[in-house]
Amino acid sequence: MTSSESTPLFQYYFRALICFAAAGTLAADIDWDHLRLIQPLFIIVLLGYTYAAYYLSKRLGGDQLILLTKILAWTDAGLIGVSLSLIDFSLLPCILFLTMIQFNALLNGGLRKWGEDNAAFLVGILLSFLIYEPKWMLSGRLEISAASLIGVITYFCAYALFTHARMSKLNLEAKRLDQEQQLHKMRTYKLSRYLPPPVWKAINEGRDKSLQTERKRLTVFFSDIKDFSELAEEMEAEALTDLLNTYLTEMTKIVHQYGGTIDKFMGDGIMVIFGDSSSKGVKHDALRCLSMALAMRKRMKTLQQHWHHQGIKRLLQIRMGINTGYCTVGTFGTANHLDYTALGAHVNLASRLESAAEPGEILVSHETWGLVKDTIMCRDKGNILVKGFSHPIKVYQVVDLRKNLGANQSYFEQNLDGFTMYLDMDKIRNYDKEKVLQSLAEISEKLRDKVIQ
């Protein structure tokens, strides 16, 4: 009559109450002048069964205990059926014990257990007919009714106390679990800051197997602070830590604003990749990356003023390098330590471009320039030699978004079939100005007179 999840001690207490209630009801029905031997014998069976069931429950475990619990639940209902038969189905005990069967079944196992227990109860009644023929008393004697009433009331009171104690314990457990959940959320939040968003999202969604290495076309960004090593030798550790944390915090906000993934921090250096997750195309990734770099350069000017007011005389400037190409991205390392990163020649090139950039300068490769030239103005800086590459690398200096230049635009470029122009007014000297204007005027006049076939 009890749940399979209950402990042997719990089963013992409530099985004992059921059996004692049935035994007390039988004892009250005994007519000592016309003694029927089956009643005292069955009382002994009930008491012996109570101890035997408890003993077996303690000795068994696992699947055997689950099976035994089911058998004992059916046996409980069957024994009650036999007991009611032996008291000639006295009305009040029948109602009380039948109510107890419904209560236990529905409380501990739902409709399925309710059906099983009632079936066992009927089987118990039918089996009792083999050894005893009841007289079907509809009213019943007062002593029998009183004994069964006391036993069943005791059972319900004990079960109510147990349920109250269990509910109190469950409420305390719920509060403890809620506190642990809040603590877990806080730890989870702190842990998420140490992992790249794709890694954290995959682990959180149970897709950590999806972090295997794969080839992707990424836009890779590197930056660092020029002469930061010299600054570290001049400043106290606490002040340097505050400066670096302020810088990294501000740069990280901008990275998140433009949807980049921070691959790693390397002291004052930052590596960011675009295109590893939620990509809308390689051109969109490159545009987001360069827009991020321009925002970083702008924010750095504000930070320079902030640090100057704090007494830092050295003018801190960042240099940045960007490249686009196919990289191997995923988790690398050992079974005990894994790192999510991007590897490949194009990653190395982005790092080399950052090293080759002047303070405050953003250098991009030809591959990246080809993706963003319509939206972002870049100056052609020609070819440079970088470590690790045998051939010269064509690079471009990022000026600004074309929409931001307006009347202040000093660099012009145009590439059409049969026509290519690069004009950097900042580099034209006064004595060359007239030559440039004369050349443009001559070309313009000839173009107007030319009949295009």
Protein backbone atom coordinates (compact mmCIF):
# COMPACT_ATOMS: atom_id res chain seq x y z
CA MET A 1 0.00 0.00 0.00
CA THR A 2 3.03 2.30 0.00
CA SER A 3 5.15 3.88 -2.68
CA SER A 4 8.15 2.03 -4.04
CA GLU A 5 10.21 5.11 -3.20
CA SER A 6 9.46 4.77 0.54
CA THR A 7 12.03 3.47 2.97
CA PRO A 8 11.65 0.04 4.66
CA LEU A 9 11.08 1.80 8.00
CA PHE A 10 8.29 3.91 6.52
CA GLN A 11 6.67 0.80 5.05
CA TYR A 12 6.94 -0.96 8.39
CA TYR A 13 5.15 1.82 10.31
CA PHE A 14 2.17 2.07 8.01
CA ARG A 15 1.89 -1.64 7.26
CA ALA A 16 1.95 -2.21 11.04
CA LEU A 17 -0.90 0.30 11.51
CA ILE A 18 -2.96 -1.40 8.79
CA CYS A 19 -2.34 -4.88 10.16
CA PHE A 20 -2.94 -3.84 13.79
CA ALA A 21 -6.20 -2.16 12.76
CA ALA A 22 -7.28 -5.35 10.96
CA ALA A 23 -6.08 -7.54 13.87
CA GLY A 24 -7.92 -5.36 16.42
CA THR A 25 -11.10 -5.56 14.36
CA LEU A 26 -10.81 -9.37 14.22
CA ALA A 27 -10.08 -9.60 17.95
CA ALA A 28 -13.17 -7.52 18.75
CA ASP A 29 -15.28 -9.93 16.67
CA ILE A 30 -14.12 -13.11 18.52
CA ASP A 31 -16.92 -14.88 20.37
CA TRP A 32 -15.10 -16.77 23.11
CA ASP A 33 -18.14 -18.94 23.79
CA HIS A 34 -18.21 -20.10 20.17
CA LEU A 35 -14.57 -19.68 19.22
CA ARG A 36 -13.71 -19.94 15.52
CA LEU A 37 -10.05 -20.96 15.30
CA ILE A 38 -9.52 -19.20 11.97
CA GLN A 39 -9.83 -15.72 13.52
CA PRO A 40 -7.00 -15.97 16.11
CA LEU A 41 -4.87 -17.80 13.56
CA PHE A 42 -5.33 -15.01 11.05
CA ILE A 43 -4.46 -12.43 13.71
CA ILE A 44 -1.15 -14.26 14.17
CA VAL A 45 -0.70 -14.27 10.37
CA LEU A 46 -1.24 -10.53 10.23
CA LEU A 47 1.30 -9.78 12.97
CA GLY A 48 3.84 -12.25 11.55
CA TYR A 49 3.37 -10.83 8.07
CA THR A 50 4.13 -7.34 9.36
CA TYR A 51 7.54 -8.35 10.72
CA ALA A 52 8.39 -10.62 7.78
CA ALA A 53 7.68 -7.84 5.27
CA TYR A 54 9.91 -5.42 7.20
CA TYR A 55 12.72 -7.97 7.47
CA LEU A 56 12.68 -8.73 3.74
CA SER A 57 12.55 -5.03 2.84
CA LYS A 58 15.73 -4.40 4.81
CA ARG A 59 17.59 -7.36 3.28
CA LEU A 60 16.77 -6.67 -0.38
CA GLY A 61 17.69 -3.76 -2.57
CA GLY A 62 17.51 -2.40 -6.13
CA ASP A 63 15.10 -4.10 -8.53
CA GLN A 64 14.38 -6.86 -6.01
CA LEU A 65 13.14 -4.29 -3.48
CA ILE A 66 10.92 -2.61 -6.09
CA LEU A 67 9.38 -5.97 -7.02
CA LEU A 68 8.91 -6.91 -3.35
CA THR A 69 7.21 -3.57 -2.65
CA LYS A 70 4.65 -4.20 -5.38
CA ILE A 71 3.97 -7.72 -4.12
CA LEU A 72 3.56 -6.47 -0.54
CA ALA A 73 1.15 -3.72 -1.70
CA TRP A 74 -1.07 -6.32 -3.35
CA THR A 75 -0.75 -8.57 -0.29
CA ASP A 76 -1.80 -5.73 2.05
CA ALA A 77 -5.02 -5.18 0.11
CA GLY A 78 -5.67 -8.92 -0.11
CA LEU A 79 -5.24 -9.40 3.66
CA ILE A 80 -7.69 -6.58 4.35
CA GLY A 81 -10.18 -8.31 2.05
CA VAL A 82 -9.77 -11.58 4.00
CA SER A 83 -10.09 -9.72 7.32
CA LEU A 84 -13.37 -8.09 6.29
CA SER A 85 -14.69 -11.47 5.17
CA LEU A 86 -13.83 -12.99 8.56
CA ILE A 87 -15.90 -10.31 10.36
CA ASP A 88 -18.88 -11.05 8.08
CA PHE A 89 -18.48 -7.75 6.17
CA SER A 90 -19.63 -5.56 9.04
CA LEU A 91 -20.75 -2.29 7.42
CA LEU A 92 -18.65 0.39 9.20
CA PRO A 93 -15.32 -1.53 9.08
CA CYS A 94 -15.95 -2.27 5.40
CA ILE A 95 -16.45 1.43 4.67
CA LEU A 96 -13.40 2.46 6.73
CA PHE A 97 -10.99 -0.10 5.31
CA LEU A 98 -12.24 0.41 1.78
CA THR A 99 -11.71 4.17 2.18
CA MET A 100 -8.20 3.51 3.46
CA ILE A 101 -7.42 1.39 0.39
CA GLN A 102 -8.59 4.17 -1.97
CA PHE A 103 -6.64 6.80 -0.02
CA ASN A 104 -3.36 4.88 -0.08
CA ALA A 105 -3.66 3.82 -3.68
CA LEU A 106 -4.45 7.26 -5.08
CA LEU A 107 -1.92 9.04 -2.85
CA ASN A 108 1.00 6.72 -3.52
CA GLY A 109 0.52 5.50 -7.06
CA GLY A 110 -2.35 7.15 -8.90
CA LEU A 111 -5.04 5.39 -10.90
CA ARG A 112 -2.87 2.43 -11.86
CA LYS A 113 -2.13 1.52 -8.25
CA TRP A 114 -5.75 2.21 -7.38
CA GLY A 115 -6.83 -0.45 -9.86
CA GLU A 116 -4.19 -2.94 -8.68
CA ASP A 117 -5.01 -2.51 -4.97
CA ASN A 118 -8.75 -2.83 -5.50
CA ALA A 119 -8.19 -5.95 -7.61
CA ALA A 120 -6.01 -7.43 -4.84
CA PHE A 121 -8.71 -6.52 -2.30
CA LEU A 122 -11.35 -8.44 -4.30
CA VAL A 123 -9.00 -11.40 -4.75
CA GLY A 124 -8.49 -11.50 -0.99
CA ILE A 125 -12.26 -11.62 -0.46
CA LEU A 126 -12.68 -14.41 -3.01
CA LEU A 127 -9.84 -16.46 -1.49
CA SER A 128 -11.42 -16.16 1.94
CA PHE A 129 -14.54 -17.90 0.59
CA LEU A 130 -12.42 -21.06 0.17
CA ILE A 131 -11.89 -21.32 3.92
CA TYR A 132 -14.81 -19.41 5.42
CA GLU A 133 -18.34 -18.52 4.40
CA PRO A 134 -19.35 -15.05 5.70
CA LYS A 135 -22.82 -14.27 7.07
CA TRP A 136 -23.00 -10.73 5.49
CA MET A 137 -23.74 -8.55 8.52
CA LEU A 138 -25.01 -5.17 7.28
CA SER A 139 -25.13 -3.44 10.65
CA GLY A 140 -22.35 -4.96 12.73
CA ARG A 141 -21.50 -5.04 16.40
CA LEU A 142 -20.43 -1.88 18.21
CA GLU A 143 -17.16 -3.42 19.48
CA ILE A 144 -16.09 -4.36 15.93
CA SER A 145 -16.94 -0.94 14.56
CA ALA A 146 -15.16 0.83 17.45
CA ALA A 147 -11.98 -1.27 17.04
CA SER A 148 -11.80 -0.70 13.28
CA LEU A 149 -12.64 2.99 13.73
CA ILE A 150 -9.84 3.48 16.27
CA GLY A 151 -7.35 1.63 14.06
CA VAL A 152 -8.23 3.48 10.87
CA ILE A 153 -8.35 6.89 12.60
CA THR A 154 -4.92 6.17 14.07
CA TYR A 155 -3.69 5.27 10.60
CA PHE A 156 -5.00 8.48 9.03
CA CYS A 157 -3.63 10.64 11.86
CA ALA A 158 -0.21 9.02 11.58
CA TYR A 159 -0.25 9.43 7.82
CA ALA A 160 -1.27 13.10 8.20
CA LEU A 161 1.60 13.74 10.64
CA PHE A 162 4.01 11.97 8.33
CA THR A 163 2.75 13.97 5.32
CA HIS A 164 3.08 17.23 7.26
CA ALA A 165 6.63 16.38 8.32
CA ARG A 166 7.48 15.39 4.78
CA MET A 167 5.99 18.56 3.31
CA SER A 168 7.95 20.66 5.81
CA LYS A 169 11.09 18.83 4.81
CA LEU A 170 10.28 19.32 1.12
CA ASN A 171 9.71 23.04 1.69
CA LEU A 172 13.09 23.36 3.39
CA GLU A 173 14.65 21.35 0.58
CA ALA A 174 12.96 23.60 -2.00
CA LYS A 175 14.38 26.69 -0.28
CA ARG A 176 17.82 25.10 -0.19
CA LEU A 177 17.58 24.17 -3.88
CA ASP A 178 16.45 27.70 -4.71
CA GLN A 179 19.49 29.12 -2.89
CA GLU A 180 21.74 26.64 -4.68
CA GLN A 181 20.13 27.59 -7.99
CA GLN A 182 20.82 31.27 -7.38
CA LEU A 183 24.40 30.42 -6.42
CA HIS A 184 24.70 28.24 -9.53
CA LYS A 185 23.40 31.06 -11.74
CA MET A 186 25.94 33.45 -10.25
CA ARG A 187 28.78 30.95 -10.76
CA THR A 188 27.51 30.26 -14.28
CA TYR A 189 27.53 33.97 -15.07
CA LYS A 190 31.07 34.34 -13.75
CA LEU A 191 32.22 31.28 -15.68
CA SER A 192 30.60 32.53 -18.90
CA ARG A 193 32.93 35.54 -18.86
CA TYR A 194 35.95 33.24 -19.18
CA LEU A 195 34.64 31.41 -22.26
CA PRO A 196 34.02 32.55 -25.84
CA PRO A 197 30.27 32.97 -26.56
CA PRO A 198 30.16 30.09 -29.13
CA VAL A 199 31.73 27.72 -26.59
CA TRP A 200 29.45 28.83 -23.76
CA LYS A 201 26.34 28.61 -25.93
CA ALA A 202 27.25 25.14 -27.22
CA ILE A 203 27.94 23.78 -23.72
CA ASN A 204 24.78 25.38 -22.30
CA GLU A 205 22.67 23.78 -25.04
CA GLY A 206 24.41 20.40 -24.74
CA ARG A 207 26.06 20.79 -28.16
CA ASP A 208 29.69 20.63 -27.01
CA LYS A 209 30.39 17.95 -29.65
CA SER A 210 29.66 20.61 -32.27
CA LEU A 211 32.86 22.43 -31.24
CA GLN A 212 35.01 20.12 -33.34
CA THR A 213 37.50 21.82 -35.65
CA GLU A 214 36.30 22.98 -39.07
CA ARG A 215 37.37 25.27 -41.89
CA LYS A 216 35.64 28.65 -42.04
CA ARG A 217 36.25 31.90 -43.83
CA LEU A 218 36.87 34.34 -41.03
CA THR A 219 37.86 37.95 -40.59
CA VAL A 220 40.57 38.05 -37.94
CA PHE A 221 41.49 41.14 -35.89
CA PHE A 222 44.57 41.80 -33.75
CA SER A 223 45.39 44.89 -31.68
CA ASP A 224 47.85 45.96 -29.02
CA ILE A 225 49.05 49.11 -27.28
CA LYS A 226 52.24 50.56 -28.71
CA ASP A 227 55.15 50.61 -26.20
CA PHE A 228 53.05 49.02 -23.46
CA SER A 229 56.06 47.06 -22.19
CA GLU A 230 57.96 50.30 -21.52
CA LEU A 231 54.91 51.73 -19.76
CA ALA A 232 54.69 48.63 -17.55
CA GLU A 233 58.23 49.31 -16.32
CA GLU A 234 57.39 52.90 -15.39
CA MET A 235 54.07 52.38 -13.56
CA GLU A 236 53.18 50.76 -10.26
CA ALA A 237 51.49 47.36 -10.57
CA GLU A 238 48.14 48.55 -9.14
CA ALA A 239 47.93 51.57 -11.45
CA LEU A 240 48.97 49.48 -14.44
CA THR A 241 46.31 46.87 -13.63
CA ASP A 242 43.63 49.55 -13.37
CA LEU A 243 44.70 51.08 -16.68
CA LEU A 244 44.76 47.72 -18.49
CA ASN A 245 41.40 46.63 -17.08
CA THR A 246 39.82 49.94 -18.10
CA TYR A 247 41.22 49.59 -21.62
CA LEU A 248 40.13 45.95 -22.02
CA THR A 249 36.68 46.67 -20.58
CA GLU A 250 36.04 49.48 -23.04
CA MET A 251 37.35 47.49 -25.99
CA THR A 252 35.28 44.44 -24.99
CA LYS A 253 32.10 46.52 -24.95
CA ILE A 254 32.82 47.58 -28.53
CA VAL A 255 33.56 43.97 -29.59
CA HIS A 256 30.19 42.83 -28.23
CA GLN A 257 28.46 45.82 -29.83
CA TYR A 258 29.62 44.71 -33.27
CA GLY A 259 29.08 40.97 -32.69
CA GLY A 260 32.69 39.81 -32.61
CA THR A 261 34.05 36.84 -30.68
CA ILE A 262 36.99 37.54 -28.36
CA ASP A 263 39.39 34.69 -29.01
CA LYS A 264 41.88 35.65 -26.33
CA PHE A 265 43.58 38.44 -24.41
CA MET A 266 47.39 38.50 -24.58
CA GLY A 267 48.38 41.08 -21.99
CA ASP A 268 47.40 44.31 -23.76
CA GLY A 269 46.78 42.42 -27.00
CA ILE A 270 43.32 41.38 -28.21
CA MET A 271 42.40 38.78 -30.82
CA VAL A 272 38.86 38.91 -32.21
CA ILE A 273 37.26 36.78 -34.90
CA PHE A 274 34.18 37.40 -37.02
CA GLY A 275 32.31 34.66 -38.88
CA ASP A 276 32.59 31.75 -36.44
CA SER A 277 28.92 32.06 -35.37
CA SER A 278 25.76 33.86 -36.49
CA SER A 279 27.49 35.01 -39.68
CA LYS A 280 25.50 36.82 -42.38
CA GLY A 281 28.22 36.42 -44.96
CA VAL A 282 31.93 37.13 -45.22
CA LYS A 283 31.37 40.70 -46.50
CA HIS A 284 29.12 41.52 -43.56
CA ASP A 285 31.70 40.03 -41.18
CA ALA A 286 34.48 42.16 -42.66
CA LEU A 287 32.36 45.33 -42.46
CA ARG A 288 31.50 44.65 -38.82
CA CYS A 289 35.17 44.05 -38.02
CA LEU A 290 36.39 47.29 -39.62
CA SER A 291 33.53 49.26 -38.05
CA MET A 292 34.61 47.83 -34.71
CA ALA A 293 38.24 48.83 -35.32
CA LEU A 294 37.21 52.41 -36.19
CA ALA A 295 35.06 52.57 -33.03
CA MET A 296 38.02 51.33 -30.97
CA ARG A 297 40.31 53.97 -32.43
CA LYS A 298 37.75 56.67 -31.66
CA ARG A 299 37.22 55.39 -28.13
CA MET A 300 40.98 55.31 -27.58
CA LYS A 301 41.15 59.10 -28.07
CA THR A 302 38.71 59.53 -25.17
CA LEU A 303 40.76 57.15 -23.02
CA GLN A 304 43.93 59.12 -23.83
CA GLN A 305 42.38 62.22 -22.32
CA HIS A 306 41.18 60.21 -19.30
CA TRP A 307 44.65 58.80 -18.64
CA HIS A 308 46.32 62.17 -19.22
CA HIS A 309 44.18 63.69 -16.46
CA GLN A 310 45.27 60.83 -14.22
CA GLY A 311 48.91 61.85 -14.65
CA ILE A 312 50.00 59.38 -17.32
CA LYS A 313 52.22 61.45 -19.62
CA ARG A 314 52.91 58.79 -22.21
CA LEU A 315 50.49 58.97 -25.13
CA LEU A 316 49.04 55.50 -25.46
CA GLN A 317 48.01 54.48 -28.97
CA ILE A 318 46.78 51.22 -30.40
CA ARG A 319 47.70 49.59 -33.67
CA MET A 320 45.46 47.12 -35.44
CA GLY A 321 45.71 44.51 -38.18
CA ILE A 322 42.86 42.77 -40.03
CA ASN A 323 42.82 39.93 -42.54
CA THR A 324 40.17 37.71 -44.13
CA GLY A 325 40.62 34.09 -45.25
CA TYR A 326 40.00 30.45 -44.54
CA CYS A 327 41.08 29.36 -41.05
CA THR A 328 40.77 26.24 -38.94
CA VAL A 329 38.50 27.08 -36.00
CA GLY A 330 37.50 24.85 -33.08
CA THR A 331 38.83 23.32 -29.89
CA PHE A 332 42.50 22.39 -29.57
CA GLY A 333 44.41 20.89 -26.67
CA THR A 334 44.37 17.82 -24.45
CA ALA A 335 41.68 15.86 -22.64
CA ASN A 336 42.33 17.96 -19.51
CA HIS A 337 42.64 21.38 -21.11
CA LEU A 338 40.98 22.65 -24.30
CA ASP A 339 41.17 26.03 -25.99
CA TYR A 340 38.73 27.42 -28.54
CA THR A 341 40.65 29.38 -31.16
CA ALA A 342 41.37 29.92 -34.85
CA LEU A 343 44.59 28.78 -36.51
CA GLY A 344 46.15 29.14 -39.93
CA ALA A 345 48.21 31.36 -42.21
CA HIS A 346 45.49 34.01 -42.40
CA VAL A 347 45.47 34.32 -38.59
CA ASN A 348 49.25 34.78 -38.65
CA LEU A 349 48.94 37.43 -41.37
CA ALA A 350 46.47 39.47 -39.30
CA SER A 351 48.94 39.37 -36.42
CA ARG A 352 51.82 40.47 -38.70
CA LEU A 353 49.76 43.36 -40.04
CA GLU A 354 49.10 44.53 -36.50
CA SER A 355 52.86 44.48 -35.78
CA ALA A 356 53.56 46.40 -39.00
CA ALA A 357 50.96 49.11 -38.29
CA GLU A 358 51.95 52.54 -36.99
CA PRO A 359 50.43 53.82 -33.73
CA GLY A 360 46.79 54.71 -34.34
CA GLU A 361 46.83 52.93 -37.70
CA ILE A 362 44.57 50.13 -38.96
CA LEU A 363 46.12 47.93 -41.65
CA VAL A 364 44.04 45.51 -43.72
CA SER A 365 44.99 42.94 -46.31
CA HIS A 366 43.95 43.06 -49.97
CA GLU A 367 41.36 40.31 -49.31
CA THR A 368 39.65 42.38 -46.62
CA TRP A 369 39.89 45.61 -48.63
CA GLY A 370 38.12 43.95 -51.57
CA LEU A 371 35.13 43.21 -49.33
CA VAL A 372 34.76 46.66 -47.74
CA LYS A 373 36.08 49.18 -50.31
CA ASP A 374 32.58 50.35 -51.29
CA THR A 375 31.72 51.28 -47.70
CA ILE A 376 35.04 52.10 -46.04
CA MET A 377 37.72 54.39 -47.43
CA CYS A 378 41.19 52.82 -47.43
CA ARG A 379 44.55 54.16 -48.67
CA ASP A 380 46.78 51.92 -50.72
CA LYS A 381 50.08 51.51 -48.86
CA GLY A 382 51.66 49.25 -51.41
CA ASN A 383 53.45 46.02 -50.59
CA ILE A 384 55.26 45.16 -47.37
CA LEU A 385 57.37 42.20 -46.30
CA VAL A 386 56.18 40.41 -43.19
CA LYS A 387 57.80 37.67 -41.20
CA GLY A 388 56.71 34.16 -42.14
CA PHE A 389 55.62 35.05 -45.69
CA SER A 390 57.99 34.69 -48.61
CA HIS A 391 56.09 37.04 -50.92
CA PRO A 392 55.24 40.75 -50.40
CA ILE A 393 51.82 41.48 -48.91
CA LYS A 394 49.65 44.24 -50.34
CA VAL A 395 48.16 46.32 -47.53
CA TYR A 396 45.76 49.22 -47.10
CA GLN A 397 45.39 51.84 -44.39
CA VAL A 398 41.83 52.30 -43.10
CA VAL A 399 40.70 55.94 -43.22
CA ASP A 400 37.04 55.98 -42.18
CA LEU A 401 33.54 55.09 -43.26
CA ARG A 402 32.81 56.87 -46.54
CA LYS A 403 29.59 58.30 -45.14
CA ASN A 404 31.57 60.00 -42.36
CA LEU A 405 34.07 61.77 -44.63
CA GLY A 406 31.78 64.28 -46.43
CA ALA A 407 33.47 67.58 -47.22
CA ASN A 408 36.56 66.54 -45.26
CA GLN A 409 37.33 63.66 -47.61
CA SER A 410 40.98 63.85 -48.66
CA TYR A 411 41.41 60.49 -50.34
CA PHE A 412 39.66 59.41 -53.51
CA GLU A 413 39.76 56.21 -55.47
CA GLN A 414 37.89 54.80 -58.41
CA ASN A 415 38.31 51.57 -60.32
CA LEU A 416 36.51 51.06 -63.65
CA ASP A 417 37.32 49.26 -66.86
CA GLY A 418 39.90 51.48 -68.51
CA PHE A 419 40.10 53.90 -65.59
CA THR A 420 41.88 53.74 -62.24
CA MET A 421 42.44 56.70 -59.93
CA TYR A 422 44.05 57.11 -56.51
CA LEU A 423 44.19 60.62 -55.11
CA ASP A 424 45.57 61.32 -51.62
CA MET A 425 45.44 65.08 -51.09
CA ASP A 426 47.29 64.83 -47.77
CA LYS A 427 50.38 63.58 -49.60
CA ILE A 428 50.33 66.09 -52.49
CA ARG A 429 52.85 68.89 -51.98
CA ASN A 430 52.16 72.48 -52.91
CA TYR A 431 54.56 72.50 -55.86
CA ASP A 432 52.81 69.42 -57.32
CA LYS A 433 49.30 70.79 -56.91
CA GLU A 434 49.24 72.63 -60.24
CA LYS A 435 50.59 69.59 -62.09
CA VAL A 436 47.78 67.43 -60.67
CA LEU A 437 45.10 69.98 -61.54
CA GLN A 438 46.54 70.36 -65.08
CA SER A 439 46.56 66.58 -65.55
CA LEU A 440 42.97 66.23 -64.37
CA ALA A 441 41.85 69.10 -66.63
CA GLU A 442 43.54 67.60 -69.71
CA ILE A 443 42.07 64.16 -69.03
CA SER A 444 38.62 65.65 -68.44
CA GLU A 445 38.73 67.64 -71.73
CA LYS A 446 39.90 64.68 -73.81
CA LEU A 447 37.27 62.43 -72.22
CA ARG A 448 34.50 64.86 -73.11
CA ASP A 449 35.68 65.07 -76.75
CA LYS A 450 36.13 61.33 -77.05
CA VAL A 451 33.36 59.50 -78.85
CA ILE A 452 32.84 56.28 -76.95
CA GLN A 453 32.15 53.34 -79.29
